[in-house]
């Protein structure tokens, strides 16, 4: 046996999501929760590899791509200085472009994806465009994926500030270090449109 996972007492608390989480490790997915400090400081309740009890446990589009569930032709990349506009369909649904990737270095990139409160994410605290930084050089438990927060002024009961990180039309994200920018241009029931800018 080359790969195996174990199931302890967590299986009685989290049910089938434990199998989703632990089996994903055998396919190379890292833990997205922190091994030290605030346990859910990196991704909050997004992705079952983070807070298994979070409100939006659908695998991130980046992870779906790594697993081969999202095809290369469903990924829009901007790897050089310039701009690119991308129409995203929600990761919870089949078909369409799933992630927009803005490369910022040899091991780093920002990813934008469309999220909706349906399927595995039926209890999501926010919907719209989720933006996160990926660093393939970061070890499991040390933040290989980090959600870009939106800094809400109020947080509903049962949610965390990171759970409210999905951006809506008119909102944007800019990395002060690289100048990388992601703007949400449009959004609706069918998905979102974003503009990637690399300097």
C-alpha atoms as a PDB file:
ATOM      1  CA  UNK A   1       0.000   0.000   0.000  1.00  0.00           C
ATOM      2  CA  UNK A   2       1.599   3.258  -1.149  1.00  0.00           C
ATOM      3  CA  UNK A   3      -0.824   5.793   0.363  1.00  0.00           C
ATOM      4  CA  UNK A   4      -3.227   5.568   3.288  1.00  0.00           C
ATOM      5  CA  UNK A   5      -5.264   7.783   5.581  1.00  0.00           C
ATOM      6  CA  UNK A   6      -6.469   7.159   9.097  1.00  0.00           C
ATOM      7  CA  UNK A   7      -9.797   8.071  10.650  1.00  0.00           C
ATOM      8  CA  UNK A   8      -9.939   8.750  14.353  1.00  0.00           C
ATOM      9  CA  UNK A   9     -12.613  10.244  16.561  1.00  0.00           C
ATOM     10  CA  UNK A  10     -13.150  13.093  14.076  1.00  0.00           C
ATOM     11  CA  UNK A  11     -15.189  10.781  11.868  1.00  0.00           C
ATOM     12  CA  UNK A  12     -17.929  10.710  14.495  1.00  0.00           C
ATOM     13  CA  UNK A  13     -18.026  14.507  14.604  1.00  0.00           C
ATOM     14  CA  UNK A  14     -17.568  15.603  10.974  1.00  0.00           C
ATOM     15  CA  UNK A  15     -18.956  12.615   9.098  1.00  0.00           C
ATOM     16  CA  UNK A  16     -18.127  12.208   5.389  1.00  0.00           C
ATOM     17  CA  UNK A  17     -16.200  15.486   5.259  1.00  0.00           C
ATOM     18  CA  UNK A  18     -13.407  13.724   7.158  1.00  0.00           C
ATOM     19  CA  UNK A  19     -13.071  11.295   4.237  1.00  0.00           C
ATOM     20  CA  UNK A  20     -13.003  14.237   1.798  1.00  0.00           C
ATOM     21  CA  UNK A  21     -10.287  15.978   3.806  1.00  0.00           C
ATOM     22  CA  UNK A  22      -8.066  13.011   4.603  1.00  0.00           C
ATOM     23  CA  UNK A  23      -8.337  11.352   1.197  1.00  0.00           C
ATOM     24  CA  UNK A  24      -7.408  14.650  -0.483  1.00  0.00           C
ATOM     25  CA  UNK A  25      -4.084  14.477   1.355  1.00  0.00           C
ATOM     26  CA  UNK A  26      -3.275  11.272  -0.520  1.00  0.00           C
ATOM     27  CA  UNK A  27      -3.716  13.254  -3.759  1.00  0.00           C
ATOM     28  CA  UNK A  28      -1.341  15.990  -2.575  1.00  0.00           C
ATOM     29  CA  UNK A  29      -3.599  18.655  -1.064  1.00  0.00           C
ATOM     30  CA  UNK A  30      -2.171  20.469   1.990  1.00  0.00           C
ATOM     31  CA  UNK A  31      -3.810  21.431   5.252  1.00  0.00           C
ATOM     32  CA  UNK A  32      -5.054  25.003   4.943  1.00  0.00           C
ATOM     33  CA  UNK A  33      -5.474  25.527   8.678  1.00  0.00           C
ATOM     34  CA  UNK A  34      -2.536  26.800  10.727  1.00  0.00           C
ATOM     35  CA  UNK A  35      -0.503  24.404  12.829  1.00  0.00           C
ATOM     36  CA  UNK A  36       0.343  27.249  15.247  1.00  0.00           C
ATOM     37  CA  UNK A  37      -1.472  30.383  16.379  1.00  0.00           C
ATOM     38  CA  UNK A  38      -5.018  31.126  15.195  1.00  0.00           C
ATOM     39  CA  UNK A  39      -6.052  27.814  13.637  1.00  0.00           C
ATOM     40  CA  UNK A  40      -8.189  29.317  10.854  1.00  0.00           C
ATOM     41  CA  UNK A  41      -6.190  32.474  10.122  1.00  0.00           C
ATOM     42  CA  UNK A  42      -5.468  31.594   6.481  1.00  0.00           C
ATOM     43  CA  UNK A  43      -8.708  30.539   4.770  1.00  0.00           C
ATOM     44  CA  UNK A  44     -11.459  30.673   7.394  1.00  0.00           C
ATOM     45  CA  UNK A  45     -14.352  28.426   6.399  1.00  0.00           C
ATOM     46  CA  UNK A  46     -13.485  28.176   2.683  1.00  0.00           C
ATOM     47  CA  UNK A  47     -12.418  24.698   1.482  1.00  0.00           C
ATOM     48  CA  UNK A  48     -12.707  21.450   3.417  1.00  0.00           C
ATOM     49  CA  UNK A  49      -8.900  21.400   3.716  1.00  0.00           C
ATOM     50  CA  UNK A  50      -9.209  24.392   6.054  1.00  0.00           C
ATOM     51  CA  UNK A  51     -12.013  24.556   8.612  1.00  0.00           C
ATOM     52  CA  UNK A  52     -13.809  21.257   8.032  1.00  0.00           C
ATOM     53  CA  UNK A  53     -16.864  22.684   9.810  1.00  0.00           C
ATOM     54  CA  UNK A  54     -16.765  25.925   7.815  1.00  0.00           C
ATOM     55  CA  UNK A  55     -19.802  27.280   5.967  1.00  0.00           C
ATOM     56  CA  UNK A  56     -18.269  26.900   2.466  1.00  0.00           C
ATOM     57  CA  UNK A  57     -16.363  23.570   2.302  1.00  0.00           C
ATOM     58  CA  UNK A  58     -16.285  23.277  -1.517  1.00  0.00           C
ATOM     59  CA  UNK A  59     -12.707  22.693  -2.690  1.00  0.00           C
ATOM     60  CA  UNK A  60     -11.091  25.880  -3.942  1.00  0.00           C
ATOM     61  CA  UNK A  61     -10.832  26.130  -7.708  1.00  0.00           C
ATOM     62  CA  UNK A  62      -7.032  25.914  -7.375  1.00  0.00           C
ATOM     63  CA  UNK A  63      -7.369  22.560  -5.630  1.00  0.00           C
ATOM     64  CA  UNK A  64      -9.902  21.323  -8.167  1.00  0.00           C
ATOM     65  CA  UNK A  65      -7.350  22.154 -10.873  1.00  0.00           C
ATOM     66  CA  UNK A  66      -4.594  20.301  -9.008  1.00  0.00           C
ATOM     67  CA  UNK A  67      -6.861  17.269  -8.691  1.00  0.00           C
ATOM     68  CA  UNK A  68      -7.613  17.299 -12.421  1.00  0.00           C
ATOM     69  CA  UNK A  69     -11.329  18.015 -11.958  1.00  0.00           C
ATOM     70  CA  UNK A  70     -10.856  21.428 -13.575  1.00  0.00           C
ATOM     71  CA  UNK A  71      -9.274  21.202 -17.016  1.00  0.00           C
ATOM     72  CA  UNK A  72      -6.451  23.465 -18.202  1.00  0.00           C
ATOM     73  CA  UNK A  73      -8.835  25.091 -20.690  1.00  0.00           C
ATOM     74  CA  UNK A  74     -11.027  26.177 -17.742  1.00  0.00           C
ATOM     75  CA  UNK A  75      -8.164  28.219 -16.290  1.00  0.00           C
ATOM     76  CA  UNK A  76      -7.336  31.759 -17.471  1.00  0.00           C
ATOM     77  CA  UNK A  77      -3.778  32.878 -16.698  1.00  0.00           C
ATOM     78  CA  UNK A  78      -1.958  36.189 -16.784  1.00  0.00           C
ATOM     79  CA  UNK A  79       1.750  35.383 -16.452  1.00  0.00           C
ATOM     80  CA  UNK A  80       3.283  38.635 -17.765  1.00  0.00           C
ATOM     81  CA  UNK A  81       2.658  42.379 -17.272  1.00  0.00           C
ATOM     82  CA  UNK A  82      -0.637  43.490 -18.775  1.00  0.00           C
ATOM     83  CA  UNK A  83      -4.380  43.083 -18.307  1.00  0.00           C
ATOM     84  CA  UNK A  84      -6.885  40.339 -18.927  1.00  0.00           C
ATOM     85  CA  UNK A  85     -10.661  40.257 -18.439  1.00  0.00           C
ATOM     86  CA  UNK A  86     -12.167  36.903 -17.489  1.00  0.00           C
ATOM     87  CA  UNK A  87     -15.757  35.667 -17.153  1.00  0.00           C
ATOM     88  CA  UNK A  88     -15.918  33.148 -14.287  1.00  0.00           C
ATOM     89  CA  UNK A  89     -18.608  30.556 -13.650  1.00  0.00           C
ATOM     90  CA  UNK A  90     -19.171  29.417 -10.054  1.00  0.00           C
ATOM     91  CA  UNK A  91     -16.915  26.608  -8.860  1.00  0.00           C
ATOM     92  CA  UNK A  92     -19.974  24.844  -7.471  1.00  0.00           C
ATOM     93  CA  UNK A  93     -21.311  24.243 -11.010  1.00  0.00           C
ATOM     94  CA  UNK A  94     -19.979  22.326 -14.017  1.00  0.00           C
ATOM     95  CA  UNK A  95     -18.631  24.036 -17.134  1.00  0.00           C
ATOM     96  CA  UNK A  96     -17.121  27.413 -17.921  1.00  0.00           C
ATOM     97  CA  UNK A  97     -13.941  29.108 -16.780  1.00  0.00           C
ATOM     98  CA  UNK A  98     -13.330  28.316 -13.123  1.00  0.00           C
ATOM     99  CA  UNK A  99     -10.283  30.294 -12.040  1.00  0.00           C
ATOM    100  CA  UNK A 100      -8.307  33.327 -13.136  1.00  0.00           C
ATOM    101  CA  UNK A 101      -4.643  33.112 -12.138  1.00  0.00           C
ATOM    102  CA  UNK A 102      -2.364  36.161 -11.903  1.00  0.00           C
ATOM    103  CA  UNK A 103       1.244  35.026 -11.537  1.00  0.00           C
ATOM    104  CA  UNK A 104       3.414  37.146  -9.221  1.00  0.00           C
ATOM    105  CA  UNK A 105       6.581  35.050  -8.875  1.00  0.00           C
ATOM    106  CA  UNK A 106       8.200  31.638  -9.428  1.00  0.00           C
ATOM    107  CA  UNK A 107       6.057  30.034  -6.695  1.00  0.00           C
ATOM    108  CA  UNK A 108       3.331  32.633  -6.112  1.00  0.00           C
ATOM    109  CA  UNK A 109       0.118  33.762  -7.753  1.00  0.00           C
ATOM    110  CA  UNK A 110      -3.227  35.324  -6.962  1.00  0.00           C
ATOM    111  CA  UNK A 111      -6.336  33.387  -7.902  1.00  0.00           C
ATOM    112  CA  UNK A 112      -9.875  34.663  -8.405  1.00  0.00           C
ATOM    113  CA  UNK A 113     -12.916  32.386  -8.506  1.00  0.00           C
ATOM    114  CA  UNK A 114     -16.679  32.773  -8.394  1.00  0.00           C
ATOM    115  CA  UNK A 115     -18.525  31.357  -5.369  1.00  0.00           C
ATOM    116  CA  UNK A 116     -22.273  30.916  -4.809  1.00  0.00           C
ATOM    117  CA  UNK A 117     -24.339  29.705  -1.838  1.00  0.00           C
ATOM    118  CA  UNK A 118     -25.347  26.366  -3.327  1.00  0.00           C
ATOM    119  CA  UNK A 119     -24.306  22.723  -3.269  1.00  0.00           C
ATOM    120  CA  UNK A 120     -21.526  22.192  -0.726  1.00  0.00           C
ATOM    121  CA  UNK A 121     -21.495  25.959  -0.135  1.00  0.00           C
ATOM    122  CA  UNK A 122     -25.224  26.308   0.630  1.00  0.00           C
ATOM    123  CA  UNK A 123     -24.392  27.916   3.997  1.00  0.00           C
ATOM    124  CA  UNK A 124     -21.738  30.317   2.625  1.00  0.00           C
ATOM    125  CA  UNK A 125     -21.540  33.599   4.535  1.00  0.00           C
ATOM    126  CA  UNK A 126     -20.716  35.595   1.392  1.00  0.00           C
ATOM    127  CA  UNK A 127     -20.894  35.146  -2.373  1.00  0.00           C
ATOM    128  CA  UNK A 128     -19.066  36.722  -5.277  1.00  0.00           C
ATOM    129  CA  UNK A 129     -15.387  36.665  -6.192  1.00  0.00           C
ATOM    130  CA  UNK A 130     -13.017  34.966  -3.799  1.00  0.00           C
ATOM    131  CA  UNK A 131      -9.412  36.163  -4.130  1.00  0.00           C
ATOM    132  CA  UNK A 132      -6.530  34.273  -2.580  1.00  0.00           C
ATOM    133  CA  UNK A 133      -2.760  34.025  -2.712  1.00  0.00           C
ATOM    134  CA  UNK A 134      -1.134  30.700  -3.537  1.00  0.00           C
ATOM    135  CA  UNK A 135       2.474  29.939  -2.609  1.00  0.00           C
ATOM    136  CA  UNK A 136       3.608  26.494  -3.707  1.00  0.00           C
ATOM    137  CA  UNK A 137       6.777  26.864  -1.622  1.00  0.00           C
ATOM    138  CA  UNK A 138       4.822  27.184   1.651  1.00  0.00           C
ATOM    139  CA  UNK A 139       4.483  23.979   3.629  1.00  0.00           C
ATOM    140  CA  UNK A 140       1.213  22.405   4.717  1.00  0.00           C
ATOM    141  CA  UNK A 141      -0.054  24.169   7.838  1.00  0.00           C
ATOM    142  CA  UNK A 142       1.989  27.301   7.023  1.00  0.00           C
ATOM    143  CA  UNK A 143      -0.452  29.042   4.687  1.00  0.00           C
ATOM    144  CA  UNK A 144       0.144  27.697   1.173  1.00  0.00           C
ATOM    145  CA  UNK A 145      -3.207  29.375   0.395  1.00  0.00           C
ATOM    146  CA  UNK A 146      -4.299  32.634   2.022  1.00  0.00           C
ATOM    147  CA  UNK A 147      -7.649  34.302   1.414  1.00  0.00           C
ATOM    148  CA  UNK A 148      -7.454  38.058   0.765  1.00  0.00           C
ATOM    149  CA  UNK A 149      -9.820  39.592   3.364  1.00  0.00           C
ATOM    150  CA  UNK A 150     -12.307  42.375   2.720  1.00  0.00           C
ATOM    151  CA  UNK A 151     -12.334  43.713   6.317  1.00  0.00           C
ATOM    152  CA  UNK A 152     -16.097  43.781   7.003  1.00  0.00           C
ATOM    153  CA  UNK A 153     -17.322  46.157   9.685  1.00  0.00           C
ATOM    154  CA  UNK A 154     -19.731  43.600  11.136  1.00  0.00           C
ATOM    155  CA  UNK A 155     -19.558  39.816  11.224  1.00  0.00           C
ATOM    156  CA  UNK A 156     -22.795  37.802  11.540  1.00  0.00           C
ATOM    157  CA  UNK A 157     -23.041  35.071  14.140  1.00  0.00           C
ATOM    158  CA  UNK A 158     -21.648  31.802  12.835  1.00  0.00           C
ATOM    159  CA  UNK A 159     -19.265  33.517  10.399  1.00  0.00           C
ATOM    160  CA  UNK A 160     -15.715  34.863  10.613  1.00  0.00           C
ATOM    161  CA  UNK A 161     -14.247  37.894   8.867  1.00  0.00           C
ATOM    162  CA  UNK A 162     -12.559  35.611   6.305  1.00  0.00           C
ATOM    163  CA  UNK A 163     -15.888  33.892   5.611  1.00  0.00           C
ATOM    164  CA  UNK A 164     -17.083  37.297   4.353  1.00  0.00           C
ATOM    165  CA  UNK A 165     -14.155  37.708   1.941  1.00  0.00           C
ATOM    166  CA  UNK A 166     -16.055  37.194  -1.329  1.00  0.00           C
ATOM    167  CA  UNK A 167     -15.975  40.454  -3.293  1.00  0.00           C
ATOM    168  CA  UNK A 168     -18.878  41.973  -5.211  1.00  0.00           C
ATOM    169  CA  UNK A 169     -19.190  44.334  -8.187  1.00  0.00           C
ATOM    170  CA  UNK A 170     -17.096  47.459  -7.747  1.00  0.00           C
ATOM    171  CA  UNK A 171     -14.751  45.936  -5.204  1.00  0.00           C
ATOM    172  CA  UNK A 172     -11.114  45.170  -5.909  1.00  0.00           C
ATOM    173  CA  UNK A 173      -7.943  43.755  -4.432  1.00  0.00           C
ATOM    174  CA  UNK A 174      -4.423  45.158  -4.831  1.00  0.00           C
ATOM    175  CA  UNK A 175      -1.216  43.599  -3.544  1.00  0.00           C
ATOM    176  CA  UNK A 176       0.935  46.536  -2.372  1.00  0.00           C
ATOM    177  CA  UNK A 177       4.112  44.515  -2.841  1.00  0.00           C
ATOM    178  CA  UNK A 178       3.706  43.543  -6.487  1.00  0.00           C
ATOM    179  CA  UNK A 179       1.001  45.917  -7.717  1.00  0.00           C
ATOM    180  CA  UNK A 180      -1.083  42.906  -8.789  1.00  0.00           C
ATOM    181  CA  UNK A 181      -4.742  43.949  -8.951  1.00  0.00           C
ATOM    182  CA  UNK A 182      -8.046  42.135  -9.371  1.00  0.00           C
ATOM    183  CA  UNK A 183     -11.215  44.142 -10.042  1.00  0.00           C
ATOM    184  CA  UNK A 184     -14.750  42.749  -9.965  1.00  0.00           C
ATOM    185  CA  UNK A 185     -16.402  44.274 -13.029  1.00  0.00           C
ATOM    186  CA  UNK A 186     -19.736  42.440 -13.125  1.00  0.00           C
ATOM    187  CA  UNK A 187     -21.667  39.751 -11.324  1.00  0.00           C
ATOM    188  CA  UNK A 188     -24.976  37.941 -11.355  1.00  0.00           C
ATOM    189  CA  UNK A 189     -26.605  34.533 -10.965  1.00  0.00           C
ATOM    190  CA  UNK A 190     -24.484  33.032 -13.770  1.00  0.00           C
ATOM    191  CA  UNK A 191     -21.109  34.147 -12.402  1.00  0.00           C
ATOM    192  CA  UNK A 192     -18.694  37.061 -12.233  1.00  0.00           C
ATOM    193  CA  UNK A 193     -16.386  39.034 -14.505  1.00  0.00           C
ATOM    194  CA  UNK A 194     -12.965  40.089 -13.244  1.00  0.00           C
ATOM    195  CA  UNK A 195     -10.079  42.110 -14.626  1.00  0.00           C
ATOM    196  CA  UNK A 196      -6.547  41.009 -13.793  1.00  0.00           C
ATOM    197  CA  UNK A 197      -3.773  43.606 -13.882  1.00  0.00           C
ATOM    198  CA  UNK A 198      -0.080  42.745 -13.580  1.00  0.00           C
ATOM    199  CA  UNK A 199       2.651  45.394 -13.466  1.00  0.00           C
END
